[in-house]
PDB file of N, CA and C in Angstrom:
ATOM      1  N   UNK A   1     114.065 154.731  42.314  1.00  0.00           N
ATOM      2  CA  UNK A   1     113.911 154.036  43.678  1.00  0.00           C
ATOM      3  C   UNK A   1     112.569 153.398  43.812  1.00  0.00           C
ATOM      4  N   UNK A   2     111.495 154.015  43.250  1.00  0.00           N
ATOM      5  CA  UNK A   2     110.163 153.561  43.293  1.00  0.00           C
ATOM      6  C   UNK A   2     110.130 152.122  42.804  1.00  0.00           C
ATOM      7  N   UNK A   3     110.680 151.880  41.524  1.00  0.00           N
ATOM      8  CA  UNK A   3     110.668 150.437  41.032  1.00  0.00           C
ATOM      9  C   UNK A   3     111.459 149.505  41.969  1.00  0.00           C
ATOM     10  N   UNK A   4     112.602 149.845  42.388  1.00  0.00           N
ATOM     11  CA  UNK A   4     113.430 148.986  43.267  1.00  0.00           C
ATOM     12  C   UNK A   4     112.412 148.508  44.594  1.00  0.00           C
ATOM     13  N   UNK A   5     111.848 149.527  44.936  1.00  0.00           N
ATOM     14  CA  UNK A   5     110.961 149.247  46.261  1.00  0.00           C
ATOM     15  C   UNK A   5     109.797 148.234  45.827  1.00  0.00           C
ATOM     16  N   UNK A   6     109.174 148.607  44.622  1.00  0.00           N
ATOM     17  CA  UNK A   6     108.226 147.732  44.129  1.00  0.00           C
ATOM     18  C   UNK A   6     108.692 146.208  44.067  1.00  0.00           C
ATOM     19  N   UNK A   7     109.743 146.110  43.451  1.00  0.00           N
ATOM     20  CA  UNK A   7     110.434 144.699  43.250  1.00  0.00           C
ATOM     21  C   UNK A   7     110.378 144.068  44.695  1.00  0.00           C
ATOM     22  N   UNK A   8     111.083 144.649  45.623  1.00  0.00           N
ATOM     23  CA  UNK A   8     111.451 144.079  46.880  1.00  0.00           C
ATOM     24  C   UNK A   8     110.011 143.868  47.707  1.00  0.00           C
ATOM     25  N   UNK A   9     109.165 144.715  47.548  1.00  0.00           N
ATOM     26  CA  UNK A   9     107.790 144.587  48.121  1.00  0.00           C
ATOM     27  C   UNK A   9     107.095 143.462  47.711  1.00  0.00           C
ATOM     28  N   UNK A  10     107.102 143.249  46.285  1.00  0.00           N
ATOM     29  CA  UNK A  10     106.493 142.013  45.593  1.00  0.00           C
ATOM     30  C   UNK A  10     107.057 140.685  46.018  1.00  0.00           C
ATOM     31  N   UNK A  11     108.456 140.841  46.027  1.00  0.00           N
ATOM     32  CA  UNK A  11     109.139 139.492  46.424  1.00  0.00           C
ATOM     33  C   UNK A  11     108.816 139.093  47.876  1.00  0.00           C
ATOM     34  N   UNK A  12     108.748 140.180  48.633  1.00  0.00           N
ATOM     35  CA  UNK A  12     108.549 139.965  50.192  1.00  0.00           C
ATOM     36  C   UNK A  12     107.046 139.411  50.519  1.00  0.00           C
ATOM     37  N   UNK A  13     106.188 139.483  49.527  1.00  0.00           N
ATOM     38  CA  UNK A  13     104.890 139.087  49.722  1.00  0.00           C
ATOM     39  C   UNK A  13     104.687 137.522  49.134  1.00  0.00           C
ATOM     40  N   UNK A  14     105.854 137.175  48.558  1.00  0.00           N
ATOM     41  CA  UNK A  14     105.687 135.749  47.921  1.00  0.00           C
ATOM     42  C   UNK A  14     106.688 134.784  48.692  1.00  0.00           C
ATOM     43  N   UNK A  15     106.405 133.450  48.347  1.00  0.00           N
ATOM     44  CA  UNK A  15     107.444 132.534  49.001  1.00  0.00           C
ATOM     45  C   UNK A  15     108.883 132.770  48.602  1.00  0.00           C
ATOM     46  N   UNK A  16     109.646 132.369  49.474  1.00  0.00           N
ATOM     47  CA  UNK A  16     111.209 132.660  49.300  1.00  0.00           C
ATOM     48  C   UNK A  16     111.687 132.203  47.972  1.00  0.00           C
ATOM     49  N   UNK A  17     111.138 131.140  47.355  1.00  0.00           N
ATOM     50  CA  UNK A  17     111.580 130.666  46.093  1.00  0.00           C
ATOM     51  C   UNK A  17     110.834 131.259  44.929  1.00  0.00           C
ATOM     52  N   UNK A  18     109.849 132.071  45.120  1.00  0.00           N
ATOM     53  CA  UNK A  18     109.088 132.655  43.945  1.00  0.00           C
ATOM     54  C   UNK A  18     110.014 133.620  43.218  1.00  0.00           C
ATOM     55  N   UNK A  19     109.510 133.883  42.082  1.00  0.00           N
ATOM     56  CA  UNK A  19     109.998 134.935  41.146  1.00  0.00           C
ATOM     57  C   UNK A  19     108.879 135.908  40.771  1.00  0.00           C
ATOM     58  N   UNK A  20     109.216 136.946  40.309  1.00  0.00           N
ATOM     59  CA  UNK A  20     108.286 137.988  39.705  1.00  0.00           C
ATOM     60  C   UNK A  20     108.805 138.397  38.360  1.00  0.00           C
ATOM     61  N   UNK A  21     107.889 138.929  37.531  1.00  0.00           N
ATOM     62  CA  UNK A  21     108.320 139.411  36.270  1.00  0.00           C
ATOM     63  C   UNK A  21     108.582 141.088  36.523  1.00  0.00           C
ATOM     64  N   UNK A  22     109.401 141.550  35.541  1.00  0.00           N
ATOM     65  CA  UNK A  22     109.673 143.029  35.785  1.00  0.00           C
ATOM     66  C   UNK A  22     108.232 143.694  35.664  1.00  0.00           C
ATOM     67  N   UNK A  23     107.296 143.051  34.696  1.00  0.00           N
ATOM     68  CA  UNK A  23     106.023 143.860  34.569  1.00  0.00           C
ATOM     69  C   UNK A  23     105.224 143.960  35.727  1.00  0.00           C
ATOM     70  N   UNK A  24     105.500 142.959  36.673  1.00  0.00           N
ATOM     71  CA  UNK A  24     104.708 143.147  38.028  1.00  0.00           C
ATOM     72  C   UNK A  24     104.965 144.378  38.716  1.00  0.00           C
ATOM     73  N   UNK A  25     106.423 144.779  38.726  1.00  0.00           N
ATOM     74  CA  UNK A  25     106.749 145.938  39.321  1.00  0.00           C
ATOM     75  C   UNK A  25     106.275 147.145  38.584  1.00  0.00           C
ATOM     76  N   UNK A  26     106.465 147.257  37.229  1.00  0.00           N
ATOM     77  CA  UNK A  26     105.911 148.144  36.341  1.00  0.00           C
ATOM     78  C   UNK A  26     104.456 148.434  36.661  1.00  0.00           C
ATOM     79  N   UNK A  27     103.622 147.381  36.618  1.00  0.00           N
ATOM     80  CA  UNK A  27     102.226 147.518  36.931  1.00  0.00           C
ATOM     81  C   UNK A  27     102.026 148.075  38.348  1.00  0.00           C
ATOM     82  N   UNK A  28     102.730 147.719  39.366  1.00  0.00           N
ATOM     83  CA  UNK A  28     102.626 148.182  40.728  1.00  0.00           C
ATOM     84  C   UNK A  28     102.960 149.695  40.828  1.00  0.00           C
ATOM     85  N   UNK A  29     103.816 150.169  40.003  1.00  0.00           N
ATOM     86  CA  UNK A  29     104.111 151.583  39.991  1.00  0.00           C
ATOM     87  C   UNK A  29     103.269 152.317  39.031  1.00  0.00           C
ATOM     88  N   UNK A  30     103.071 151.812  37.682  1.00  0.00           N
ATOM     89  CA  UNK A  30     102.237 152.521  36.713  1.00  0.00           C
ATOM     90  C   UNK A  30     100.839 152.478  36.746  1.00  0.00           C
ATOM     91  N   UNK A  31     100.291 151.364  37.415  1.00  0.00           N
ATOM     92  CA  UNK A  31      98.890 151.059  37.415  1.00  0.00           C
ATOM     93  C   UNK A  31      98.444 150.008  36.396  1.00  0.00           C
ATOM     94  N   UNK A  32      97.207 149.679  36.222  1.00  0.00           N
ATOM     95  CA  UNK A  32      96.889 148.569  35.353  1.00  0.00           C
ATOM     96  C   UNK A  32      96.654 148.839  33.929  1.00  0.00           C
ATOM     97  N   UNK A  33      96.580 150.194  33.487  1.00  0.00           N
ATOM     98  CA  UNK A  33      96.576 150.588  32.179  1.00  0.00           C
ATOM     99  C   UNK A  33      97.737 150.310  31.469  1.00  0.00           C
ATOM    100  N   UNK A  34      97.809 149.545  30.403  1.00  0.00           N
ATOM    101  CA  UNK A  34      99.114 149.207  29.579  1.00  0.00           C
ATOM    102  C   UNK A  34      99.725 150.441  29.104  1.00  0.00           C
ATOM    103  N   UNK A  35      99.057 151.490  28.784  1.00  0.00           N
ATOM    104  CA  UNK A  35      99.739 152.659  28.386  1.00  0.00           C
ATOM    105  C   UNK A  35     100.459 153.420  29.421  1.00  0.00           C
ATOM    106  N   UNK A  36     100.191 152.995  30.649  1.00  0.00           N
ATOM    107  CA  UNK A  36     100.870 153.540  31.780  1.00  0.00           C
ATOM    108  C   UNK A  36     102.063 152.661  32.377  1.00  0.00           C
ATOM    109  N   UNK A  37     101.905 151.458  32.345  1.00  0.00           N
ATOM    110  CA  UNK A  37     102.882 150.622  32.715  1.00  0.00           C
ATOM    111  C   UNK A  37     103.911 150.119  31.808  1.00  0.00           C
ATOM    112  N   UNK A  38     103.560 149.832  30.531  1.00  0.00           N
ATOM    113  CA  UNK A  38     104.548 149.329  29.505  1.00  0.00           C
ATOM    114  C   UNK A  38     105.727 150.292  29.316  1.00  0.00           C
ATOM    115  N   UNK A  39     105.442 151.565  29.350  1.00  0.00           N
ATOM    116  CA  UNK A  39     106.824 152.421  29.288  1.00  0.00           C
ATOM    117  C   UNK A  39     107.822 152.158  30.481  1.00  0.00           C
ATOM    118  N   UNK A  40     107.370 151.613  31.461  1.00  0.00           N
ATOM    119  CA  UNK A  40     108.194 151.417  32.708  1.00  0.00           C
ATOM    120  C   UNK A  40     108.852 149.906  32.624  1.00  0.00           C
ATOM    121  N   UNK A  41     108.749 149.150  31.543  1.00  0.00           N
ATOM    122  CA  UNK A  41     109.375 147.875  31.474  1.00  0.00           C
ATOM    123  C   UNK A  41     110.836 148.050  31.532  1.00  0.00           C
ATOM    124  N   UNK A  42     111.406 148.720  30.491  1.00  0.00           N
ATOM    125  CA  UNK A  42     112.908 148.941  30.626  1.00  0.00           C
ATOM    126  C   UNK A  42     113.446 149.471  32.021  1.00  0.00           C
ATOM    127  N   UNK A  43     112.796 150.493  32.438  1.00  0.00           N
ATOM    128  CA  UNK A  43     113.288 151.067  33.839  1.00  0.00           C
ATOM    129  C   UNK A  43     112.995 149.785  34.989  1.00  0.00           C
ATOM    130  N   UNK A  44     112.048 149.104  34.828  1.00  0.00           N
ATOM    131  CA  UNK A  44     111.980 147.934  35.760  1.00  0.00           C
ATOM    132  C   UNK A  44     113.073 147.048  35.556  1.00  0.00           C
ATOM    133  N   UNK A  45     113.539 146.701  34.371  1.00  0.00           N
ATOM    134  CA  UNK A  45     114.657 145.724  34.147  1.00  0.00           C
ATOM    135  C   UNK A  45     115.926 146.378  34.794  1.00  0.00           C
ATOM    136  N   UNK A  46     116.120 147.737  34.547  1.00  0.00           N
ATOM    137  CA  UNK A  46     117.236 148.376  35.020  1.00  0.00           C
ATOM    138  C   UNK A  46     117.226 148.524  36.573  1.00  0.00           C
ATOM    139  N   UNK A  47     116.000 148.602  37.120  1.00  0.00           N
ATOM    140  CA  UNK A  47     115.952 148.623  38.635  1.00  0.00           C
ATOM    141  C   UNK A  47     116.354 147.316  39.117  1.00  0.00           C
ATOM    142  N   UNK A  48     116.004 146.186  38.468  1.00  0.00           N
ATOM    143  CA  UNK A  48     116.317 144.807  38.943  1.00  0.00           C
ATOM    144  C   UNK A  48     117.777 144.657  38.782  1.00  0.00           C
ATOM    145  N   UNK A  49     118.433 145.219  37.828  1.00  0.00           N
ATOM    146  CA  UNK A  49     119.873 145.261  37.672  1.00  0.00           C
ATOM    147  C   UNK A  49     120.592 145.851  38.843  1.00  0.00           C
ATOM    148  N   UNK A  50     119.997 147.095  39.259  1.00  0.00           N
ATOM    149  CA  UNK A  50     120.621 147.813  40.360  1.00  0.00           C
ATOM    150  C   UNK A  50     120.541 146.928  41.722  1.00  0.00           C
ATOM    151  N   UNK A  51     119.492 146.120  41.726  1.00  0.00           N
ATOM    152  CA  UNK A  51     119.294 145.364  42.941  1.00  0.00           C
ATOM    153  C   UNK A  51     120.278 144.195  42.780  1.00  0.00           C
ATOM    154  N   UNK A  52     120.550 143.593  41.660  1.00  0.00           N
ATOM    155  CA  UNK A  52     121.454 142.556  41.562  1.00  0.00           C
ATOM    156  C   UNK A  52     122.821 143.172  41.951  1.00  0.00           C
ATOM    157  N   UNK A  53     123.163 144.427  41.376  1.00  0.00           N
ATOM    158  CA  UNK A  53     124.523 145.008  41.829  1.00  0.00           C
ATOM    159  C   UNK A  53     124.700 145.167  43.257  1.00  0.00           C
ATOM    160  N   UNK A  54     123.530 145.270  44.098  1.00  0.00           N
ATOM    161  CA  UNK A  54     123.580 145.453  45.445  1.00  0.00           C
ATOM    162  C   UNK A  54     123.549 144.120  46.239  1.00  0.00           C
ATOM    163  N   UNK A  55     123.364 143.040  45.580  1.00  0.00           N
ATOM    164  CA  UNK A  55     123.200 141.715  46.027  1.00  0.00           C
ATOM    165  C   UNK A  55     121.930 141.309  46.728  1.00  0.00           C
ATOM    166  N   UNK A  56     120.883 141.931  46.286  1.00  0.00           N
ATOM    167  CA  UNK A  56     119.659 141.737  46.843  1.00  0.00           C
ATOM    168  C   UNK A  56     118.744 140.665  46.025  1.00  0.00           C
ATOM    169  N   UNK A  57     118.796 140.697  44.740  1.00  0.00           N
ATOM    170  CA  UNK A  57     118.109 139.828  43.847  1.00  0.00           C
ATOM    171  C   UNK A  57     118.988 139.170  42.723  1.00  0.00           C
ATOM    172  N   UNK A  58     118.421 138.094  42.128  1.00  0.00           N
ATOM    173  CA  UNK A  58     119.072 137.690  40.968  1.00  0.00           C
ATOM    174  C   UNK A  58     117.960 137.851  39.850  1.00  0.00           C
ATOM    175  N   UNK A  59     118.580 137.977  38.507  1.00  0.00           N
ATOM    176  CA  UNK A  59     117.837 138.020  37.337  1.00  0.00           C
ATOM    177  C   UNK A  59     118.104 136.592  36.757  1.00  0.00           C
ATOM    178  N   UNK A  60     116.826 135.892  36.352  1.00  0.00           N
ATOM    179  CA  UNK A  60     117.050 134.669  35.794  1.00  0.00           C
ATOM    180  C   UNK A  60     116.257 134.471  34.554  1.00  0.00           C
ATOM    181  N   UNK A  61     116.855 133.337  33.862  1.00  0.00           N
ATOM    182  CA  UNK A  61     116.031 132.866  32.628  1.00  0.00           C
ATOM    183  C   UNK A  61     116.166 131.449  32.777  1.00  0.00           C
ATOM    184  N   UNK A  62     114.969 130.653  32.791  1.00  0.00           N
ATOM    185  CA  UNK A  62     115.185 129.166  32.835  1.00  0.00           C
ATOM    186  C   UNK A  62     115.436 128.669  34.159  1.00  0.00           C
ATOM    187  N   UNK A  63     115.284 129.663  35.226  1.00  0.00           N
ATOM    188  CA  UNK A  63     115.650 129.319  36.575  1.00  0.00           C
ATOM    189  C   UNK A  63     117.130 129.489  36.970  1.00  0.00           C
ATOM    190  N   UNK A  64     117.848 129.984  35.970  1.00  0.00           N
ATOM    191  CA  UNK A  64     119.266 130.237  36.215  1.00  0.00           C
ATOM    192  C   UNK A  64     119.625 131.632  36.193  1.00  0.00           C
ATOM    193  N   UNK A  65     120.648 132.079  37.069  1.00  0.00           N
ATOM    194  CA  UNK A  65     120.888 133.462  37.174  1.00  0.00           C
ATOM    195  C   UNK A  65     121.611 133.846  35.856  1.00  0.00           C
ATOM    196  N   UNK A  66     121.330 134.987  35.227  1.00  0.00           N
ATOM    197  CA  UNK A  66     121.826 135.511  34.035  1.00  0.00           C
ATOM    198  C   UNK A  66     122.229 136.861  34.133  1.00  0.00           C
ATOM    199  N   UNK A  67     123.223 137.424  33.375  1.00  0.00           N
ATOM    200  CA  UNK A  67     123.500 138.742  33.174  1.00  0.00           C
ATOM    201  C   UNK A  67     122.471 139.470  32.293  1.00  0.00           C
ATOM    202  N   UNK A  68     121.922 140.456  32.927  1.00  0.00           N
ATOM    203  CA  UNK A  68     120.868 141.331  32.030  1.00  0.00           C
ATOM    204  C   UNK A  68     121.471 141.746  30.819  1.00  0.00           C
ATOM    205  N   UNK A  69     122.612 142.162  30.747  1.00  0.00           N
ATOM    206  CA  UNK A  69     123.094 142.794  29.343  1.00  0.00           C
ATOM    207  C   UNK A  69     123.133 141.616  28.335  1.00  0.00           C
ATOM    208  N   UNK A  70     123.181 140.305  28.733  1.00  0.00           N
ATOM    209  CA  UNK A  70     123.293 139.304  27.725  1.00  0.00           C
ATOM    210  C   UNK A  70     121.820 138.659  27.509  1.00  0.00           C
ATOM    211  N   UNK A  71     120.998 138.959  28.462  1.00  0.00           N
ATOM    212  CA  UNK A  71     119.669 138.268  28.558  1.00  0.00           C
ATOM    213  C   UNK A  71     118.658 138.763  27.198  1.00  0.00           C
ATOM    214  N   UNK A  72     118.150 137.722  26.599  1.00  0.00           N
ATOM    215  CA  UNK A  72     117.287 138.039  25.463  1.00  0.00           C
ATOM    216  C   UNK A  72     115.957 137.398  25.851  1.00  0.00           C
ATOM    217  N   UNK A  73     114.948 138.086  25.651  1.00  0.00           N
ATOM    218  CA  UNK A  73     113.565 137.701  26.064  1.00  0.00           C
ATOM    219  C   UNK A  73     113.172 137.835  27.400  1.00  0.00           C
ATOM    220  N   UNK A  74     112.122 137.074  27.992  1.00  0.00           N
ATOM    221  CA  UNK A  74     111.549 137.313  29.207  1.00  0.00           C
ATOM    222  C   UNK A  74     112.646 137.047  30.228  1.00  0.00           C
ATOM    223  N   UNK A  75     112.570 137.799  31.344  1.00  0.00           N
ATOM    224  CA  UNK A  75     113.451 137.455  32.567  1.00  0.00           C
ATOM    225  C   UNK A  75     112.532 137.381  33.812  1.00  0.00           C
ATOM    226  N   UNK A  76     113.098 136.811  34.775  1.00  0.00           N
ATOM    227  CA  UNK A  76     112.327 136.684  36.019  1.00  0.00           C
ATOM    228  C   UNK A  76     113.314 137.469  37.059  1.00  0.00           C
ATOM    229  N   UNK A  77     112.678 137.857  38.231  1.00  0.00           N
ATOM    230  CA  UNK A  77     113.477 138.278  39.382  1.00  0.00           C
ATOM    231  C   UNK A  77     113.092 137.572  40.587  1.00  0.00           C
ATOM    232  N   UNK A  78     114.222 137.054  41.209  1.00  0.00           N
ATOM    233  CA  UNK A  78     114.075 136.279  42.498  1.00  0.00           C
ATOM    234  C   UNK A  78     115.018 136.885  43.638  1.00  0.00           C
ATOM    235  N   UNK A  79     114.494 136.586  44.798  1.00  0.00           N
ATOM    236  CA  UNK A  79     115.428 136.972  45.996  1.00  0.00           C
ATOM    237  C   UNK A  79     116.784 136.321  45.902  1.00  0.00           C
ATOM    238  N   UNK A  80     117.776 136.987  46.208  1.00  0.00           N
ATOM    239  CA  UNK A  80     119.148 136.265  46.277  1.00  0.00           C
ATOM    240  C   UNK A  80     119.049 135.261  47.363  1.00  0.00           C
ATOM    241  N   UNK A  81     119.530 134.005  46.886  1.00  0.00           N
ATOM    242  CA  UNK A  81     119.577 132.961  47.780  1.00  0.00           C
ATOM    243  C   UNK A  81     120.806 132.852  48.612  1.00  0.00           C
ATOM    244  N   UNK A  82     120.853 132.316  50.058  1.00  0.00           N
ATOM    245  CA  UNK A  82     121.995 132.335  50.609  1.00  0.00           C
ATOM    246  C   UNK A  82     123.180 131.738  49.965  1.00  0.00           C
ATOM    247  N   UNK A  83     122.897 130.594  49.325  1.00  0.00           N
ATOM    248  CA  UNK A  83     124.026 129.855  48.535  1.00  0.00           C
ATOM    249  C   UNK A  83     124.364 130.706  47.443  1.00  0.00           C
ATOM    250  N   UNK A  84     123.752 131.610  46.913  1.00  0.00           N
ATOM    251  CA  UNK A  84     124.070 132.472  45.748  1.00  0.00           C
ATOM    252  C   UNK A  84     125.176 133.481  46.200  1.00  0.00           C
ATOM    253  N   UNK A  85     125.306 133.851  47.481  1.00  0.00           N
ATOM    254  CA  UNK A  85     126.217 134.760  48.017  1.00  0.00           C
ATOM    255  C   UNK A  85     127.696 134.290  47.730  1.00  0.00           C
ATOM    256  N   UNK A  86     127.927 132.986  47.574  1.00  0.00           N
ATOM    257  CA  UNK A  86     129.148 132.405  47.227  1.00  0.00           C
ATOM    258  C   UNK A  86     129.345 132.338  45.691  1.00  0.00           C
ATOM    259  N   UNK A  87     128.418 132.693  44.902  1.00  0.00           N
ATOM    260  CA  UNK A  87     128.702 132.509  43.456  1.00  0.00           C
ATOM    261  C   UNK A  87     129.580 133.787  43.107  1.00  0.00           C
ATOM    262  N   UNK A  88     130.138 133.510  41.785  1.00  0.00           N
ATOM    263  CA  UNK A  88     131.039 134.542  41.340  1.00  0.00           C
ATOM    264  C   UNK A  88     130.379 135.902  41.089  1.00  0.00           C
ATOM    265  N   UNK A  89     131.106 137.012  40.838  1.00  0.00           N
ATOM    266  CA  UNK A  89     130.522 138.273  40.774  1.00  0.00           C
ATOM    267  C   UNK A  89     129.865 138.619  39.620  1.00  0.00           C
ATOM    268  N   UNK A  90     130.054 137.755  38.595  1.00  0.00           N
ATOM    269  CA  UNK A  90     129.286 138.090  37.240  1.00  0.00           C
ATOM    270  C   UNK A  90     127.857 137.473  37.330  1.00  0.00           C
ATOM    271  N   UNK A  91     127.336 137.205  38.471  1.00  0.00           N
ATOM    272  CA  UNK A  91     125.930 136.786  38.526  1.00  0.00           C
ATOM    273  C   UNK A  91     125.628 135.388  37.920  1.00  0.00           C
ATOM    274  N   UNK A  92     126.732 134.614  37.815  1.00  0.00           N
ATOM    275  CA  UNK A  92     126.572 133.268  37.225  1.00  0.00           C
ATOM    276  C   UNK A  92     126.400 133.053  35.692  1.00  0.00           C
ATOM    277  N   UNK A  93     126.871 134.258  35.001  1.00  0.00           N
ATOM    278  CA  UNK A  93     126.735 134.254  33.544  1.00  0.00           C
ATOM    279  C   UNK A  93     127.839 133.575  33.015  1.00  0.00           C
ATOM    280  N   UNK A  94     127.668 133.044  31.802  1.00  0.00           N
ATOM    281  CA  UNK A  94     128.817 132.288  31.193  1.00  0.00           C
ATOM    282  C   UNK A  94     128.933 132.956  29.665  1.00  0.00           C
ATOM    283  N   UNK A  95     130.156 132.819  29.238  1.00  0.00           N
ATOM    284  CA  UNK A  95     130.428 133.549  27.906  1.00  0.00           C
ATOM    285  C   UNK A  95     129.945 132.510  26.785  1.00  0.00           C
TER     286      UNK A  95
END
């Protein structure tokens, strides 16, 4: 829950259209030392997915929503936009 809270708190402090990196949440929870926050990267990605499942955020690549399971490389996290509430339930991912 700590990472989910960190994600939501970080997004709340930014413009509605801004995104964060999972490392921002990992650093917020683990501190500035890379030895402390790097192990939190995968848990931060998983926390973001739980927030996607609750309809609170989107995981994006290139500004487009993606499914975390299929995402390769860097991801960003953004607040769910009102128009996104009408999107299909697979978070906009395509096969």
